[in-house]
């Protein structure tokens, strides 16, 4: 039996290109003036952005006093 980390399964179900424009419009190729990211670093940033988007997407719908499921 292979145990998959929870966040890994979350980010695999979300396409970075399908996120709203304010979440996926970062220029990862030109990360800074003097630094360039490797492909694995860009993928890690995309995954982090997808997890944050998922978190804040659920947070927006939260109502004070609501029970977590």
PDB file of N, CA and C in Angstrom:
ATOM      1  N   UNK A   1       0.842  -1.180   0.000  1.00  0.00           N
ATOM      2  CA  UNK A   1       0.000   0.000   0.000  1.00  0.00           C
ATOM      3  C   UNK A   1       0.886   1.241   0.000  1.00  0.00           C
ATOM      4  N   UNK A   2       0.600   2.152  -0.906  1.00  0.00           N
ATOM      5  CA  UNK A   2       1.343   3.394  -0.980  1.00  0.00           C
ATOM      6  C   UNK A   2       0.501   4.497  -0.347  1.00  0.00           C
ATOM      7  N   UNK A   3       1.095   5.197   0.585  1.00  0.00           N
ATOM      8  CA  UNK A   3       0.404   6.308   1.240  1.00  0.00           C
ATOM      9  C   UNK A   3       0.835   7.597   0.558  1.00  0.00           C
ATOM     10  N   UNK A   4      -0.135   8.334   0.032  1.00  0.00           N
ATOM     11  CA  UNK A   4       0.167   9.592  -0.638  1.00  0.00           C
ATOM     12  C   UNK A   4      -0.118  10.744   0.301  1.00  0.00           C
ATOM     13  N   UNK A   5       0.792  11.685   0.347  1.00  0.00           N
ATOM     14  CA  UNK A   5       0.527  12.876   1.168  1.00  0.00           C
ATOM     15  C   UNK A   5      -0.735  13.594   0.689  1.00  0.00           C
ATOM     16  N   UNK A   6      -1.452  14.167   1.615  1.00  0.00           N
ATOM     17  CA  UNK A   6      -2.732  14.827   1.314  1.00  0.00           C
ATOM     18  C   UNK A   6      -2.556  15.990   0.348  1.00  0.00           C
ATOM     19  N   UNK A   7      -1.567  16.832   0.603  1.00  0.00           N
ATOM     20  CA  UNK A   7      -1.395  18.005  -0.266  1.00  0.00           C
ATOM     21  C   UNK A   7      -1.045  17.607  -1.692  1.00  0.00           C
ATOM     22  N   UNK A   8      -0.312  16.533  -1.839  1.00  0.00           N
ATOM     23  CA  UNK A   8       0.042  16.070  -3.180  1.00  0.00           C
ATOM     24  C   UNK A   8      -1.214  15.723  -3.972  1.00  0.00           C
ATOM     25  N   UNK A   9      -2.143  15.034  -3.338  1.00  0.00           N
ATOM     26  CA  UNK A   9      -3.372  14.659  -4.048  1.00  0.00           C
ATOM     27  C   UNK A   9      -4.234  15.885  -4.347  1.00  0.00           C
ATOM     28  N   UNK A  10      -4.167  16.906  -3.504  1.00  0.00           N
ATOM     29  CA  UNK A  10      -4.930  18.135  -3.745  1.00  0.00           C
ATOM     30  C   UNK A  10      -4.384  18.866  -4.964  1.00  0.00           C
ATOM     31  N   UNK A  11      -3.068  19.060  -5.007  1.00  0.00           N
ATOM     32  CA  UNK A  11      -2.498  19.844  -6.108  1.00  0.00           C
ATOM     33  C   UNK A  11      -2.573  19.108  -7.439  1.00  0.00           C
ATOM     34  N   UNK A  12      -2.587  17.786  -7.412  1.00  0.00           N
ATOM     35  CA  UNK A  12      -2.701  17.047  -8.666  1.00  0.00           C
ATOM     36  C   UNK A  12      -4.070  17.231  -9.306  1.00  0.00           C
ATOM     37  N   UNK A  13      -5.090  17.506  -8.501  1.00  0.00           N
ATOM     38  CA  UNK A  13      -6.445  17.669  -9.024  1.00  0.00           C
ATOM     39  C   UNK A  13      -6.731  19.090  -9.527  1.00  0.00           C
ATOM     40  N   UNK A  14      -5.802  20.012  -9.307  1.00  0.00           N
ATOM     41  CA  UNK A  14      -5.991  21.410  -9.703  1.00  0.00           C
ATOM     42  C   UNK A  14      -4.990  21.755 -10.796  1.00  0.00           C
ATOM     43  N   UNK A  15      -5.493  22.293 -11.900  1.00  0.00           N
ATOM     44  CA  UNK A  15      -4.599  22.745 -12.967  1.00  0.00           C
ATOM     45  C   UNK A  15      -4.227  24.199 -12.708  1.00  0.00           C
ATOM     46  N   UNK A  16      -2.930  24.478 -12.733  1.00  0.00           N
ATOM     47  CA  UNK A  16      -2.448  25.831 -12.477  1.00  0.00           C
ATOM     48  C   UNK A  16      -3.059  26.821 -13.473  1.00  0.00           C
ATOM     49  N   UNK A  17      -3.193  26.406 -14.717  1.00  0.00           N
ATOM     50  CA  UNK A  17      -3.734  27.272 -15.768  1.00  0.00           C
ATOM     51  C   UNK A  17      -5.202  27.612 -15.539  1.00  0.00           C
ATOM     52  N   UNK A  18      -5.916  26.770 -14.777  1.00  0.00           N
ATOM     53  CA  UNK A  18      -7.342  26.996 -14.524  1.00  0.00           C
ATOM     54  C   UNK A  18      -7.611  27.903 -13.323  1.00  0.00           C
ATOM     55  N   UNK A  19      -6.571  28.278 -12.594  1.00  0.00           N
ATOM     56  CA  UNK A  19      -6.758  29.192 -11.462  1.00  0.00           C
ATOM     57  C   UNK A  19      -7.150  30.574 -11.980  1.00  0.00           C
ATOM     58  N   UNK A  20      -7.813  31.378 -11.156  1.00  0.00           N
ATOM     59  CA  UNK A  20      -8.126  32.745 -11.569  1.00  0.00           C
ATOM     60  C   UNK A  20      -6.842  33.503 -11.937  1.00  0.00           C
ATOM     61  N   UNK A  21      -6.976  34.474 -12.820  1.00  0.00           N
ATOM     62  CA  UNK A  21      -5.819  35.195 -13.365  1.00  0.00           C
ATOM     63  C   UNK A  21      -4.923  35.796 -12.282  1.00  0.00           C
ATOM     64  N   UNK A  22      -5.508  36.286 -11.200  1.00  0.00           N
ATOM     65  CA  UNK A  22      -4.671  36.894 -10.164  1.00  0.00           C
ATOM     66  C   UNK A  22      -3.877  35.849  -9.384  1.00  0.00           C
ATOM     67  N   UNK A  23      -4.146  34.568  -9.602  1.00  0.00           N
ATOM     68  CA  UNK A  23      -3.393  33.498  -8.943  1.00  0.00           C
ATOM     69  C   UNK A  23      -2.376  32.837  -9.869  1.00  0.00           C
ATOM     70  N   UNK A  24      -2.566  32.924 -11.172  1.00  0.00           N
ATOM     71  CA  UNK A  24      -1.650  32.222 -12.076  1.00  0.00           C
ATOM     72  C   UNK A  24      -0.919  33.135 -13.053  1.00  0.00           C
ATOM     73  N   UNK A  25      -0.948  34.414 -12.835  1.00  0.00           N
ATOM     74  CA  UNK A  25      -0.327  35.344 -13.778  1.00  0.00           C
ATOM     75  C   UNK A  25       1.104  35.726 -13.398  1.00  0.00           C
ATOM     76  N   UNK A  26       1.697  34.993 -12.469  1.00  0.00           N
ATOM     77  CA  UNK A  26       3.076  35.271 -12.079  1.00  0.00           C
ATOM     78  C   UNK A  26       4.026  34.858 -13.199  1.00  0.00           C
ATOM     79  N   UNK A  27       5.050  35.651 -13.415  1.00  0.00           N
ATOM     80  CA  UNK A  27       6.069  35.318 -14.404  1.00  0.00           C
ATOM     81  C   UNK A  27       7.163  34.524 -13.704  1.00  0.00           C
ATOM     82  N   UNK A  28       7.025  33.223 -13.691  1.00  0.00           N
ATOM     83  CA  UNK A  28       7.975  32.374 -12.987  1.00  0.00           C
ATOM     84  C   UNK A  28       9.301  32.240 -13.730  1.00  0.00           C
ATOM     85  N   UNK A  29       9.294  32.526 -15.030  1.00  0.00           N
ATOM     86  CA  UNK A  29      10.541  32.458 -15.796  1.00  0.00           C
ATOM     87  C   UNK A  29      11.486  33.599 -15.427  1.00  0.00           C
ATOM     88  N   UNK A  30      10.932  34.744 -15.131  1.00  0.00           N
ATOM     89  CA  UNK A  30      11.734  35.902 -14.739  1.00  0.00           C
ATOM     90  C   UNK A  30      11.475  36.192 -13.262  1.00  0.00           C
ATOM     91  N   UNK A  31      11.871  35.262 -12.434  1.00  0.00           N
ATOM     92  CA  UNK A  31      11.606  35.332 -11.003  1.00  0.00           C
ATOM     93  C   UNK A  31      12.227  36.574 -10.380  1.00  0.00           C
ATOM     94  N   UNK A  32      13.430  36.925 -10.793  1.00  0.00           N
ATOM     95  CA  UNK A  32      14.090  38.150 -10.349  1.00  0.00           C
ATOM     96  C   UNK A  32      15.059  38.581 -11.448  1.00  0.00           C
ATOM     97  N   UNK A  33      15.666  39.736 -11.268  1.00  0.00           N
ATOM     98  CA  UNK A  33      16.583  40.241 -12.293  1.00  0.00           C
ATOM     99  C   UNK A  33      17.825  39.370 -12.438  1.00  0.00           C
ATOM    100  N   UNK A  34      18.264  38.798 -11.344  1.00  0.00           N
ATOM    101  CA  UNK A  34      19.535  38.065 -11.383  1.00  0.00           C
ATOM    102  C   UNK A  34      19.388  36.553 -11.173  1.00  0.00           C
ATOM    103  N   UNK A  35      18.165  36.067 -11.011  1.00  0.00           N
ATOM    104  CA  UNK A  35      17.977  34.646 -10.733  1.00  0.00           C
ATOM    105  C   UNK A  35      16.981  34.034 -11.705  1.00  0.00           C
ATOM    106  N   UNK A  36      17.282  32.823 -12.052  1.00  0.00           N
ATOM    107  CA  UNK A  36      16.397  32.059 -12.926  1.00  0.00           C
ATOM    108  C   UNK A  36      16.061  30.750 -12.206  1.00  0.00           C
ATOM    109  N   UNK A  37      14.815  30.360 -12.267  1.00  0.00           N
ATOM    110  CA  UNK A  37      14.378  29.151 -11.563  1.00  0.00           C
ATOM    111  C   UNK A  37      14.512  27.921 -12.459  1.00  0.00           C
ATOM    112  N   UNK A  38      14.863  26.806 -11.837  1.00  0.00           N
ATOM    113  CA  UNK A  38      14.867  25.518 -12.526  1.00  0.00           C
ATOM    114  C   UNK A  38      13.421  25.043 -12.625  1.00  0.00           C
ATOM    115  N   UNK A  39      13.172  24.111 -13.511  1.00  0.00           N
ATOM    116  CA  UNK A  39      11.807  23.601 -13.708  1.00  0.00           C
ATOM    117  C   UNK A  39      11.213  23.048 -12.413  1.00  0.00           C
ATOM    118  N   UNK A  40      12.006  22.320 -11.635  1.00  0.00           N
ATOM    119  CA  UNK A  40      11.470  21.748 -10.398  1.00  0.00           C
ATOM    120  C   UNK A  40      11.113  22.839  -9.388  1.00  0.00           C
ATOM    121  N   UNK A  41      11.820  23.980  -9.436  1.00  0.00           N
ATOM    122  CA  UNK A  41      11.500  25.088  -8.544  1.00  0.00           C
ATOM    123  C   UNK A  41      10.199  25.771  -8.980  1.00  0.00           C
ATOM    124  N   UNK A  42      10.014  25.913 -10.294  1.00  0.00           N
ATOM    125  CA  UNK A  42       8.758  26.484 -10.808  1.00  0.00           C
ATOM    126  C   UNK A  42       7.577  25.593 -10.446  1.00  0.00           C
ATOM    127  N   UNK A  43       7.769  24.278 -10.589  1.00  0.00           N
ATOM    128  CA  UNK A  43       6.693  23.339 -10.236  1.00  0.00           C
ATOM    129  C   UNK A  43       6.347  23.438  -8.754  1.00  0.00           C
ATOM    130  N   UNK A  44       7.363  23.582  -7.900  1.00  0.00           N
ATOM    131  CA  UNK A  44       7.119  23.701  -6.457  1.00  0.00           C
ATOM    132  C   UNK A  44       6.342  24.980  -6.150  1.00  0.00           C
ATOM    133  N   UNK A  45       6.690  26.084  -6.807  1.00  0.00           N
ATOM    134  CA  UNK A  45       5.950  27.331  -6.593  1.00  0.00           C
ATOM    135  C   UNK A  45       4.506  27.212  -7.075  1.00  0.00           C
ATOM    136  N   UNK A  46       4.315  26.588  -8.216  1.00  0.00           N
ATOM    137  CA  UNK A  46       2.952  26.391  -8.726  1.00  0.00           C
ATOM    138  C   UNK A  46       2.131  25.561  -7.740  1.00  0.00           C
ATOM    139  N   UNK A  47       2.730  24.504  -7.202  1.00  0.00           N
ATOM    140  CA  UNK A  47       2.016  23.670  -6.234  1.00  0.00           C
ATOM    141  C   UNK A  47       1.680  24.451  -4.968  1.00  0.00           C
ATOM    142  N   UNK A  48       2.604  25.272  -4.493  1.00  0.00           N
ATOM    143  CA  UNK A  48       2.344  26.091  -3.303  1.00  0.00           C
ATOM    144  C   UNK A  48       1.211  27.078  -3.567  1.00  0.00           C
ATOM    145  N   UNK A  49       1.204  27.679  -4.744  1.00  0.00           N
ATOM    146  CA  UNK A  49       0.146  28.626  -5.107  1.00  0.00           C
ATOM    147  C   UNK A  49      -1.203  27.914  -5.167  1.00  0.00           C
ATOM    148  N   UNK A  50      -1.235  26.702  -5.722  1.00  0.00           N
ATOM    149  CA  UNK A  50      -2.495  25.947  -5.803  1.00  0.00           C
ATOM    150  C   UNK A  50      -3.027  25.610  -4.415  1.00  0.00           C
ATOM    151  N   UNK A  51      -2.146  25.232  -3.496  1.00  0.00           N
ATOM    152  CA  UNK A  51      -2.579  24.923  -2.130  1.00  0.00           C
ATOM    153  C   UNK A  51      -3.111  26.176  -1.446  1.00  0.00           C
ATOM    154  N   UNK A  52      -2.419  27.293  -1.610  1.00  0.00           N
ATOM    155  CA  UNK A  52      -2.891  28.545  -1.004  1.00  0.00           C
ATOM    156  C   UNK A  52      -4.228  28.963  -1.595  1.00  0.00           C
ATOM    157  N   UNK A  53      -4.381  28.819  -2.901  1.00  0.00           N
ATOM    158  CA  UNK A  53      -5.655  29.157  -3.545  1.00  0.00           C
ATOM    159  C   UNK A  53      -6.778  28.294  -2.975  1.00  0.00           C
ATOM    160  N   UNK A  54      -6.512  27.002  -2.846  1.00  0.00           N
ATOM    161  CA  UNK A  54      -7.532  26.092  -2.304  1.00  0.00           C
ATOM    162  C   UNK A  54      -7.915  26.485  -0.878  1.00  0.00           C
ATOM    163  N   UNK A  55      -6.921  26.845  -0.078  1.00  0.00           N
ATOM    164  CA  UNK A  55      -7.178  27.269   1.301  1.00  0.00           C
ATOM    165  C   UNK A  55      -8.049  28.521   1.328  1.00  0.00           C
ATOM    166  N   UNK A  56      -7.662  29.536   0.576  1.00  0.00           N
ATOM    167  CA  UNK A  56      -8.409  30.793   0.610  1.00  0.00           C
ATOM    168  C   UNK A  56      -9.751  30.694  -0.092  1.00  0.00           C
ATOM    169  N   UNK A  57      -9.896  29.805  -1.048  1.00  0.00           N
ATOM    170  CA  UNK A  57     -11.185  29.585  -1.689  1.00  0.00           C
ATOM    171  C   UNK A  57     -12.189  29.085  -0.654  1.00  0.00           C
ATOM    172  N   UNK A  58     -11.775  28.163   0.193  1.00  0.00           N
ATOM    173  CA  UNK A  58     -12.650  27.654   1.241  1.00  0.00           C
ATOM    174  C   UNK A  58     -12.860  28.660   2.357  1.00  0.00           C
ATOM    175  N   UNK A  59     -11.862  29.466   2.630  1.00  0.00           N
ATOM    176  CA  UNK A  59     -11.941  30.455   3.705  1.00  0.00           C
ATOM    177  C   UNK A  59     -12.967  31.541   3.399  1.00  0.00           C
ATOM    178  N   UNK A  60     -13.105  31.884   2.117  1.00  0.00           N
ATOM    179  CA  UNK A  60     -14.049  32.935   1.719  1.00  0.00           C
ATOM    180  C   UNK A  60     -15.472  32.562   2.094  1.00  0.00           C
ATOM    181  N   UNK A  61     -15.801  31.289   1.994  1.00  0.00           N
ATOM    182  CA  UNK A  61     -17.157  30.834   2.287  1.00  0.00           C
ATOM    183  C   UNK A  61     -17.416  30.616   3.772  1.00  0.00           C
ATOM    184  N   UNK A  62     -16.388  30.747   4.584  1.00  0.00           N
ATOM    185  CA  UNK A  62     -16.526  30.498   6.025  1.00  0.00           C
ATOM    186  C   UNK A  62     -17.396  31.564   6.674  1.00  0.00           C
ATOM    187  N   UNK A  63     -18.303  31.133   7.503  1.00  0.00           N
ATOM    188  CA  UNK A  63     -19.163  32.026   8.272  1.00  0.00           C
ATOM    189  C   UNK A  63     -18.789  31.913   9.741  1.00  0.00           C
ATOM    190  N   UNK A  64     -18.792  33.018  10.448  1.00  0.00           N
ATOM    191  CA  UNK A  64     -18.449  33.002  11.862  1.00  0.00           C
ATOM    192  C   UNK A  64     -19.359  32.035  12.604  1.00  0.00           C
ATOM    193  N   UNK A  65     -18.766  31.186  13.423  1.00  0.00           N
ATOM    194  CA  UNK A  65     -19.514  30.197  14.185  1.00  0.00           C
ATOM    195  C   UNK A  65     -19.783  28.906  13.438  1.00  0.00           C
ATOM    196  N   UNK A  66     -19.379  28.836  12.171  1.00  0.00           N
ATOM    197  CA  UNK A  66     -19.596  27.632  11.376  1.00  0.00           C
ATOM    198  C   UNK A  66     -18.731  26.485  11.899  1.00  0.00           C
ATOM    199  N   UNK A  67     -19.290  25.295  11.920  1.00  0.00           N
ATOM    200  CA  UNK A  67     -18.553  24.112  12.353  1.00  0.00           C
ATOM    201  C   UNK A  67     -17.734  23.582  11.182  1.00  0.00           C
ATOM    202  N   UNK A  68     -16.501  23.203  11.479  1.00  0.00           N
ATOM    203  CA  UNK A  68     -15.667  22.588  10.450  1.00  0.00           C
ATOM    204  C   UNK A  68     -16.062  21.139  10.282  1.00  0.00           C
ATOM    205  N   UNK A  69     -16.050  20.652   9.054  1.00  0.00           N
ATOM    206  CA  UNK A  69     -16.435  19.266   8.767  1.00  0.00           C
ATOM    207  C   UNK A  69     -15.203  18.422   8.618  1.00  0.00           C
TER     208      UNK A  69
END
